[in-house]
Amino acid sequence: MRRLQKRRYNEPIEMRAKRFGYFPKTFLWHGRRYDVRRVERAWTVSRRRARRRVERRCFRVHTAEGVFDLYQDLGANTWHLEKVVA
């Protein structure tokens, strides 16, 4: 199993399944599947930028491969991996 480096990515991911229609359960990143073992934290970010409001649902999740910060861009309804935490 390769070790993931701690760094920021801000890359799109494909959310394959959610728990309770809200929490990440399974996602694909670079063609690899990650199963979420637990969600450590969930929070919402809302701010105004260049004439539009940016709203995100953020999640810190644990998988067998490591800990990731994910977010859902609510305006575009897209999912992203923000960073690898551990």
PDB file of N, CA and C in Angstrom:
ATOM      1  N   MET A   1       0.846  -1.182   0.000  1.00  0.00           N
ATOM      2  CA  MET A   1       0.000   0.000   0.000  1.00  0.00           C
ATOM      3  C   MET A   1       0.893   1.248   0.000  1.00  0.00           C
ATOM      4  N   ARG A   2       0.635   2.136  -0.934  1.00  0.00           N
ATOM      5  CA  ARG A   2       1.470   3.338  -1.000  1.00  0.00           C
ATOM      6  C   ARG A   2       1.040   4.355   0.051  1.00  0.00           C
ATOM      7  N   ARG A   3       1.975   5.108   0.537  1.00  0.00           N
ATOM      8  CA  ARG A   3       1.727   6.115   1.565  1.00  0.00           C
ATOM      9  C   ARG A   3       1.385   7.441   0.912  1.00  0.00           C
ATOM     10  N   LEU A   4       0.312   8.071   1.349  1.00  0.00           N
ATOM     11  CA  LEU A   4      -0.101   9.364   0.810  1.00  0.00           C
ATOM     12  C   LEU A   4       0.634  10.482   1.536  1.00  0.00           C
ATOM     13  N   GLN A   5       1.100  11.453   0.774  1.00  0.00           N
ATOM     14  CA  GLN A   5       1.797  12.592   1.365  1.00  0.00           C
ATOM     15  C   GLN A   5       0.795  13.606   1.890  1.00  0.00           C
ATOM     16  N   LYS A   6       1.177  14.257   3.003  1.00  0.00           N
ATOM     17  CA  LYS A   6       0.346  15.333   3.545  1.00  0.00           C
ATOM     18  C   LYS A   6       0.551  16.569   2.682  1.00  0.00           C
ATOM     19  N   ARG A   7      -0.511  16.966   1.971  1.00  0.00           N
ATOM     20  CA  ARG A   7      -0.429  18.185   1.181  1.00  0.00           C
ATOM     21  C   ARG A   7      -1.806  18.552   0.673  1.00  0.00           C
ATOM     22  N   ARG A   8      -1.908  19.745   0.140  1.00  0.00           N
ATOM     23  CA  ARG A   8      -3.169  20.224  -0.418  1.00  0.00           C
ATOM     24  C   ARG A   8      -3.290  19.757  -1.858  1.00  0.00           C
ATOM     25  N   TYR A   9      -4.499  19.395  -2.222  1.00  0.00           N
ATOM     26  CA  TYR A   9      -4.763  18.943  -3.577  1.00  0.00           C
ATOM     27  C   TYR A   9      -5.808  19.801  -4.276  1.00  0.00           C
ATOM     28  N   ASN A  10      -6.959  20.026  -3.622  1.00  0.00           N
ATOM     29  CA  ASN A  10      -8.080  20.756  -4.234  1.00  0.00           C
ATOM     30  C   ASN A  10      -8.423  20.179  -5.598  1.00  0.00           C
ATOM     31  N   GLU A  11      -8.592  18.869  -5.636  1.00  0.00           N
ATOM     32  CA  GLU A  11      -8.909  18.163  -6.870  1.00  0.00           C
ATOM     33  C   GLU A  11     -10.317  17.589  -6.815  1.00  0.00           C
ATOM     34  N   PRO A  12     -10.976  17.511  -7.965  1.00  0.00           N
ATOM     35  CA  PRO A  12     -12.311  16.910  -7.982  1.00  0.00           C
ATOM     36  C   PRO A  12     -12.243  15.409  -7.680  1.00  0.00           C
ATOM     37  N   ILE A  13     -13.269  14.913  -7.028  1.00  0.00           N
ATOM     38  CA  ILE A  13     -13.413  13.484  -6.768  1.00  0.00           C
ATOM     39  C   ILE A  13     -14.818  13.083  -7.190  1.00  0.00           C
ATOM     40  N   GLU A  14     -15.027  11.799  -7.321  1.00  0.00           N
ATOM     41  CA  GLU A  14     -16.370  11.300  -7.624  1.00  0.00           C
ATOM     42  C   GLU A  14     -16.946  10.676  -6.364  1.00  0.00           C
ATOM     43  N   MET A  15     -18.025  11.245  -5.865  1.00  0.00           N
ATOM     44  CA  MET A  15     -18.685  10.692  -4.683  1.00  0.00           C
ATOM     45  C   MET A  15     -19.573   9.550  -5.155  1.00  0.00           C
ATOM     46  N   ARG A  16     -19.234   8.333  -4.749  1.00  0.00           N
ATOM     47  CA  ARG A  16     -19.956   7.149  -5.216  1.00  0.00           C
ATOM     48  C   ARG A  16     -21.141   6.798  -4.319  1.00  0.00           C
ATOM     49  N   ALA A  17     -21.006   7.056  -3.015  1.00  0.00           N
ATOM     50  CA  ALA A  17     -22.094   6.734  -2.084  1.00  0.00           C
ATOM     51  C   ALA A  17     -22.017   7.651  -0.883  1.00  0.00           C
ATOM     52  N   LYS A  18     -23.206   7.957  -0.331  1.00  0.00           N
ATOM     53  CA  LYS A  18     -23.285   8.782   0.881  1.00  0.00           C
ATOM     54  C   LYS A  18     -24.091   8.029   1.928  1.00  0.00           C
ATOM     55  N   ARG A  19     -23.771   8.286   3.181  1.00  0.00           N
ATOM     56  CA  ARG A  19     -24.524   7.743   4.314  1.00  0.00           C
ATOM     57  C   ARG A  19     -25.590   8.745   4.697  1.00  0.00           C
ATOM     58  N   PHE A  20     -26.785   8.282   4.881  1.00  0.00           N
ATOM     59  CA  PHE A  20     -27.912   9.137   5.272  1.00  0.00           C
ATOM     60  C   PHE A  20     -28.142  10.269   4.281  1.00  0.00           C
ATOM     61  N   GLY A  21     -27.702  10.089   3.020  1.00  0.00           N
ATOM     62  CA  GLY A  21     -27.881  11.109   1.990  1.00  0.00           C
ATOM     63  C   GLY A  21     -27.067  12.363   2.207  1.00  0.00           C
ATOM     64  N   TYR A  22     -26.070  12.314   3.113  1.00  0.00           N
ATOM     65  CA  TYR A  22     -25.340  13.518   3.503  1.00  0.00           C
ATOM     66  C   TYR A  22     -23.843  13.275   3.673  1.00  0.00           C
ATOM     67  N   PHE A  23     -23.483  12.275   4.481  1.00  0.00           N
ATOM     68  CA  PHE A  23     -22.079  12.022   4.811  1.00  0.00           C
ATOM     69  C   PHE A  23     -21.394  11.171   3.746  1.00  0.00           C
ATOM     70  N   PRO A  24     -20.131  11.487   3.415  1.00  0.00           N
ATOM     71  CA  PRO A  24     -19.403  10.665   2.445  1.00  0.00           C
ATOM     72  C   PRO A  24     -19.261   9.220   2.939  1.00  0.00           C
ATOM     73  N   LYS A  25     -19.450   8.277   2.013  1.00  0.00           N
ATOM     74  CA  LYS A  25     -19.293   6.860   2.339  1.00  0.00           C
ATOM     75  C   LYS A  25     -18.222   6.213   1.460  1.00  0.00           C
ATOM     76  N   THR A  26     -18.281   6.469   0.154  1.00  0.00           N
ATOM     77  CA  THR A  26     -17.303   5.924  -0.794  1.00  0.00           C
ATOM     78  C   THR A  26     -17.019   6.973  -1.861  1.00  0.00           C
ATOM     79  N   PHE A  27     -15.717   7.180  -2.171  1.00  0.00           N
ATOM     80  CA  PHE A  27     -15.376   8.123  -3.222  1.00  0.00           C
ATOM     81  C   PHE A  27     -14.236   7.580  -4.070  1.00  0.00           C
ATOM     82  N   LEU A  28     -14.145   8.103  -5.293  1.00  0.00           N
ATOM     83  CA  LEU A  28     -13.065   7.755  -6.215  1.00  0.00           C
ATOM     84  C   LEU A  28     -12.162   8.961  -6.375  1.00  0.00           C
ATOM     85  N   TRP A  29     -10.857   8.704  -6.313  1.00  0.00           N
ATOM     86  CA  TRP A  29      -9.859   9.751  -6.534  1.00  0.00           C
ATOM     87  C   TRP A  29      -8.749   9.119  -7.340  1.00  0.00           C
ATOM     88  N   HIS A  30      -8.456   9.677  -8.501  1.00  0.00           N
ATOM     89  CA  HIS A  30      -7.448   9.143  -9.427  1.00  0.00           C
ATOM     90  C   HIS A  30      -7.716   7.679  -9.748  1.00  0.00           C
ATOM     91  N   GLY A  31      -8.992   7.338  -9.907  1.00  0.00           N
ATOM     92  CA  GLY A  31      -9.368   5.987 -10.274  1.00  0.00           C
ATOM     93  C   GLY A  31      -9.331   4.963  -9.157  1.00  0.00           C
ATOM     94  N   ARG A  32      -9.002   5.392  -7.962  1.00  0.00           N
ATOM     95  CA  ARG A  32      -8.922   4.482  -6.829  1.00  0.00           C
ATOM     96  C   ARG A  32     -10.102   4.702  -5.886  1.00  0.00           C
ATOM     97  N   ARG A  33     -10.648   3.619  -5.371  1.00  0.00           N
ATOM     98  CA  ARG A  33     -11.809   3.693  -4.480  1.00  0.00           C
ATOM     99  C   ARG A  33     -11.346   3.815  -3.020  1.00  0.00           C
ATOM    100  N   TYR A  34     -12.010   4.711  -2.289  1.00  0.00           N
ATOM    101  CA  TYR A  34     -11.747   4.910  -0.865  1.00  0.00           C
ATOM    102  C   TYR A  34     -13.050   4.735  -0.103  1.00  0.00           C
ATOM    103  N   ASP A  35     -13.054   3.841   0.861  1.00  0.00           N
ATOM    104  CA  ASP A  35     -14.229   3.602   1.703  1.00  0.00           C
ATOM    105  C   ASP A  35     -14.041   4.333   3.029  1.00  0.00           C
ATOM    106  N   VAL A  36     -14.983   5.182   3.363  1.00  0.00           N
ATOM    107  CA  VAL A  36     -14.902   5.973   4.588  1.00  0.00           C
ATOM    108  C   VAL A  36     -15.273   5.092   5.777  1.00  0.00           C
ATOM    109  N   ARG A  37     -14.347   5.004   6.720  1.00  0.00           N
ATOM    110  CA  ARG A  37     -14.596   4.230   7.938  1.00  0.00           C
ATOM    111  C   ARG A  37     -15.369   5.051   8.959  1.00  0.00           C
ATOM    112  N   ARG A  38     -15.009   6.352   9.032  1.00  0.00           N
ATOM    113  CA  ARG A  38     -15.745   7.236   9.940  1.00  0.00           C
ATOM    114  C   ARG A  38     -15.545   8.678   9.529  1.00  0.00           C
ATOM    115  N   VAL A  39     -16.519   9.492   9.887  1.00  0.00           N
ATOM    116  CA  VAL A  39     -16.444  10.937   9.680  1.00  0.00           C
ATOM    117  C   VAL A  39     -16.090  11.544  11.030  1.00  0.00           C
ATOM    118  N   GLU A  40     -14.933  12.174  11.086  1.00  0.00           N
ATOM    119  CA  GLU A  40     -14.468  12.769  12.345  1.00  0.00           C
ATOM    120  C   GLU A  40     -15.152  14.101  12.627  1.00  0.00           C
ATOM    121  N   ARG A  41     -15.376  14.866  11.562  1.00  0.00           N
ATOM    122  CA  ARG A  41     -15.884  16.222  11.737  1.00  0.00           C
ATOM    123  C   ARG A  41     -16.642  16.643  10.490  1.00  0.00           C
ATOM    124  N   ALA A  42     -17.678  17.448  10.678  1.00  0.00           N
ATOM    125  CA  ALA A  42     -18.428  18.029   9.558  1.00  0.00           C
ATOM    126  C   ALA A  42     -18.694  19.495   9.892  1.00  0.00           C
ATOM    127  N   TRP A  43     -18.525  20.375   8.898  1.00  0.00           N
ATOM    128  CA  TRP A  43     -18.774  21.793   9.120  1.00  0.00           C
ATOM    129  C   TRP A  43     -19.150  22.448   7.794  1.00  0.00           C
ATOM    130  N   THR A  44     -19.710  23.650   7.884  1.00  0.00           N
ATOM    131  CA  THR A  44     -20.134  24.393   6.698  1.00  0.00           C
ATOM    132  C   THR A  44     -19.337  25.686   6.599  1.00  0.00           C
ATOM    133  N   VAL A  45     -18.929  26.028   5.391  1.00  0.00           N
ATOM    134  CA  VAL A  45     -18.214  27.279   5.127  1.00  0.00           C
ATOM    135  C   VAL A  45     -19.080  28.098   4.187  1.00  0.00           C
ATOM    136  N   SER A  46     -19.302  29.362   4.544  1.00  0.00           N
ATOM    137  CA  SER A  46     -20.090  30.252   3.715  1.00  0.00           C
ATOM    138  C   SER A  46     -19.414  31.620   3.706  1.00  0.00           C
ATOM    139  N   ARG A  47     -19.070  32.090   2.515  1.00  0.00           N
ATOM    140  CA  ARG A  47     -18.446  33.417   2.396  1.00  0.00           C
ATOM    141  C   ARG A  47     -18.767  34.034   1.046  1.00  0.00           C
ATOM    142  N   ARG A  48     -18.629  35.310   0.974  1.00  0.00           N
ATOM    143  CA  ARG A  48     -18.914  36.032  -0.259  1.00  0.00           C
ATOM    144  C   ARG A  48     -17.594  36.292  -0.976  1.00  0.00           C
ATOM    145  N   ARG A  49     -17.583  35.956  -2.289  1.00  0.00           N
ATOM    146  CA  ARG A  49     -16.388  36.182  -3.104  1.00  0.00           C
ATOM    147  C   ARG A  49     -16.804  36.721  -4.464  1.00  0.00           C
ATOM    148  N   ALA A  50     -16.210  37.798  -4.885  1.00  0.00           N
ATOM    149  CA  ALA A  50     -16.395  38.370  -6.223  1.00  0.00           C
ATOM    150  C   ALA A  50     -17.833  38.249  -6.740  1.00  0.00           C
ATOM    151  N   ARG A  51     -18.726  38.869  -6.048  1.00  0.00           N
ATOM    152  CA  ARG A  51     -20.140  38.963  -6.433  1.00  0.00           C
ATOM    153  C   ARG A  51     -20.913  37.653  -6.337  1.00  0.00           C
ATOM    154  N   ARG A  52     -20.361  36.656  -5.686  1.00  0.00           N
ATOM    155  CA  ARG A  52     -21.135  35.427  -5.497  1.00  0.00           C
ATOM    156  C   ARG A  52     -20.813  34.820  -4.145  1.00  0.00           C
ATOM    157  N   ARG A  53     -21.731  34.052  -3.683  1.00  0.00           N
ATOM    158  CA  ARG A  53     -21.593  33.403  -2.382  1.00  0.00           C
ATOM    159  C   ARG A  53     -21.004  32.013  -2.584  1.00  0.00           C
ATOM    160  N   VAL A  54     -19.980  31.677  -1.801  1.00  0.00           N
ATOM    161  CA  VAL A  54     -19.350  30.360  -1.842  1.00  0.00           C
ATOM    162  C   VAL A  54     -19.818  29.593  -0.614  1.00  0.00           C
ATOM    163  N   GLU A  55     -20.450  28.467  -0.841  1.00  0.00           N
ATOM    164  CA  GLU A  55     -20.917  27.636   0.262  1.00  0.00           C
ATOM    165  C   GLU A  55     -20.413  26.218   0.068  1.00  0.00           C
ATOM    166  N   ARG A  56     -19.865  25.673   1.151  1.00  0.00           N
ATOM    167  CA  ARG A  56     -19.311  24.322   1.113  1.00  0.00           C
ATOM    168  C   ARG A  56     -19.715  23.545   2.349  1.00  0.00           C
ATOM    169  N   ARG A  57     -19.938  22.258   2.147  1.00  0.00           N
ATOM    170  CA  ARG A  57     -20.036  21.318   3.266  1.00  0.00           C
ATOM    171  C   ARG A  57     -18.695  20.609   3.322  1.00  0.00           C
ATOM    172  N   CYS A  58     -18.066  20.655   4.469  1.00  0.00           N
ATOM    173  CA  CYS A  58     -16.727  20.086   4.623  1.00  0.00           C
ATOM    174  C   CYS A  58     -16.768  18.885   5.565  1.00  0.00           C
ATOM    175  N   PHE A  59     -15.892  17.922   5.302  1.00  0.00           N
ATOM    176  CA  PHE A  59     -15.843  16.690   6.090  1.00  0.00           C
ATOM    177  C   PHE A  59     -14.405  16.242   6.271  1.00  0.00           C
ATOM    178  N   ARG A  60     -14.044  15.871   7.470  1.00  0.00           N
ATOM    179  CA  ARG A  60     -12.773  15.183   7.720  1.00  0.00           C
ATOM    180  C   ARG A  60     -13.120  13.715   7.882  1.00  0.00           C
ATOM    181  N   VAL A  61     -12.575  12.882   6.976  1.00  0.00           N
ATOM    182  CA  VAL A  61     -12.937  11.465   6.957  1.00  0.00           C
ATOM    183  C   VAL A  61     -11.710  10.581   7.138  1.00  0.00           C
ATOM    184  N   HIS A  62     -11.941   9.405   7.726  1.00  0.00           N
ATOM    185  CA  HIS A  62     -10.895   8.401   7.916  1.00  0.00           C
ATOM    186  C   HIS A  62     -11.164   7.230   6.989  1.00  0.00           C
ATOM    187  N   THR A  63     -10.128   6.799   6.267  1.00  0.00           N
ATOM    188  CA  THR A  63     -10.189   5.607   5.423  1.00  0.00           C
ATOM    189  C   THR A  63      -9.021   4.702   5.829  1.00  0.00           C
ATOM    190  N   ALA A  64      -8.941   3.531   5.247  1.00  0.00           N
ATOM    191  CA  ALA A  64      -7.812   2.636   5.520  1.00  0.00           C
ATOM    192  C   ALA A  64      -6.498   3.261   5.054  1.00  0.00           C
ATOM    193  N   GLU A  65      -6.573   4.129   4.033  1.00  0.00           N
ATOM    194  CA  GLU A  65      -5.368   4.742   3.462  1.00  0.00           C
ATOM    195  C   GLU A  65      -4.918   6.014   4.162  1.00  0.00           C
ATOM    196  N   GLY A  66      -5.786   6.639   4.946  1.00  0.00           N
ATOM    197  CA  GLY A  66      -5.412   7.871   5.624  1.00  0.00           C
ATOM    198  C   GLY A  66      -6.610   8.733   5.985  1.00  0.00           C
ATOM    199  N   VAL A  67      -6.305   9.979   6.346  1.00  0.00           N
ATOM    200  CA  VAL A  67      -7.318  10.949   6.754  1.00  0.00           C
ATOM    201  C   VAL A  67      -7.358  12.048   5.692  1.00  0.00           C
ATOM    202  N   PHE A  68      -8.568  12.367   5.237  1.00  0.00           N
ATOM    203  CA  PHE A  68      -8.750  13.317   4.152  1.00  0.00           C
ATOM    204  C   PHE A  68      -9.744  14.406   4.555  1.00  0.00           C
ATOM    205  N   ASP A  69      -9.526  15.614   4.047  1.00  0.00           N
ATOM    206  CA  ASP A  69     -10.521  16.674   4.125  1.00  0.00           C
ATOM    207  C   ASP A  69     -11.190  16.759   2.767  1.00  0.00           C
ATOM    208  N   LEU A  70     -12.507  16.533   2.754  1.00  0.00           N
ATOM    209  CA  LEU A  70     -13.315  16.595   1.537  1.00  0.00           C
ATOM    210  C   LEU A  70     -14.292  17.745   1.657  1.00  0.00           C
ATOM    211  N   TYR A  71     -14.744  18.268   0.515  1.00  0.00           N
ATOM    212  CA  TYR A  71     -15.823  19.249   0.573  1.00  0.00           C
ATOM    213  C   TYR A  71     -16.731  19.116  -0.634  1.00  0.00           C
ATOM    214  N   GLN A  72     -17.971  19.521  -0.419  1.00  0.00           N
ATOM    215  CA  GLN A  72     -18.968  19.578  -1.478  1.00  0.00           C
ATOM    216  C   GLN A  72     -19.247  21.044  -1.768  1.00  0.00           C
ATOM    217  N   ASP A  73     -19.020  21.463  -3.003  1.00  0.00           N
ATOM    218  CA  ASP A  73     -19.373  22.810  -3.437  1.00  0.00           C
ATOM    219  C   ASP A  73     -20.874  22.798  -3.685  1.00  0.00           C
ATOM    220  N   LEU A  74     -21.625  23.480  -2.824  1.00  0.00           N
ATOM    221  CA  LEU A  74     -23.081  23.424  -2.899  1.00  0.00           C
ATOM    222  C   LEU A  74     -23.643  24.150  -4.122  1.00  0.00           C
ATOM    223  N   GLY A  75     -22.961  25.172  -4.581  1.00  0.00           N
ATOM    224  CA  GLY A  75     -23.425  25.905  -5.755  1.00  0.00           C
ATOM    225  C   GLY A  75     -23.304  25.080  -7.026  1.00  0.00           C
ATOM    226  N   ALA A  76     -22.191  24.384  -7.170  1.00  0.00           N
ATOM    227  CA  ALA A  76     -21.940  23.587  -8.380  1.00  0.00           C
ATOM    228  C   ALA A  76     -22.326  22.119  -8.196  1.00  0.00           C
ATOM    229  N   ASN A  77     -22.621  21.733  -6.949  1.00  0.00           N
ATOM    230  CA  ASN A  77     -22.914  20.350  -6.593  1.00  0.00           C
ATOM    231  C   ASN A  77     -21.802  19.408  -7.051  1.00  0.00           C
ATOM    232  N   THR A  78     -20.557  19.787  -6.726  1.00  0.00           N
ATOM    233  CA  THR A  78     -19.392  18.965  -7.043  1.00  0.00           C
ATOM    234  C   THR A  78     -18.653  18.638  -5.756  1.00  0.00           C
ATOM    235  N   TRP A  79     -17.888  17.553  -5.776  1.00  0.00           N
ATOM    236  CA  TRP A  79     -17.101  17.113  -4.621  1.00  0.00           C
ATOM    237  C   TRP A  79     -15.617  17.244  -4.925  1.00  0.00           C
ATOM    238  N   HIS A  80     -14.837  17.557  -3.866  1.00  0.00           N
ATOM    239  CA  HIS A  80     -13.403  17.784  -4.027  1.00  0.00           C
ATOM    240  C   HIS A  80     -12.629  17.230  -2.832  1.00  0.00           C
ATOM    241  N   LEU A  81     -11.421  16.768  -3.094  1.00  0.00           N
ATOM    242  CA  LEU A  81     -10.489  16.439  -2.028  1.00  0.00           C
ATOM    243  C   LEU A  81      -9.653  17.687  -1.798  1.00  0.00           C
ATOM    244  N   GLU A  82      -9.767  18.259  -0.620  1.00  0.00           N
ATOM    245  CA  GLU A  82      -9.001  19.484  -0.335  1.00  0.00           C
ATOM    246  C   GLU A  82      -7.589  19.155   0.081  1.00  0.00           C
ATOM    247  N   LYS A  83      -7.436  18.223   1.025  1.00  0.00           N
ATOM    248  CA  LYS A  83      -6.075  17.870   1.452  1.00  0.00           C
ATOM    249  C   LYS A  83      -6.038  16.511   2.122  1.00  0.00           C
ATOM    250  N   VAL A  84      -4.826  15.952   2.129  1.00  0.00           N
ATOM    251  CA  VAL A  84      -4.550  14.734   2.870  1.00  0.00           C
ATOM    252  C   VAL A  84      -4.003  15.181   4.222  1.00  0.00           C
ATOM    253  N   VAL A  85      -4.645  14.760   5.295  1.00  0.00           N
ATOM    254  CA  VAL A  85      -4.272  15.208   6.640  1.00  0.00           C
ATOM    255  C   VAL A  85      -3.231  14.265   7.233  1.00  0.00           C
ATOM    256  N   ALA A  86      -3.443  12.974   7.106  1.00  0.00           N
ATOM    257  CA  ALA A  86      -2.492  11.995   7.669  1.00  0.00           C
ATOM    258  C   ALA A  86      -2.562  10.707   6.891  1.00  0.00           C
TER     259      ALA A  86
END
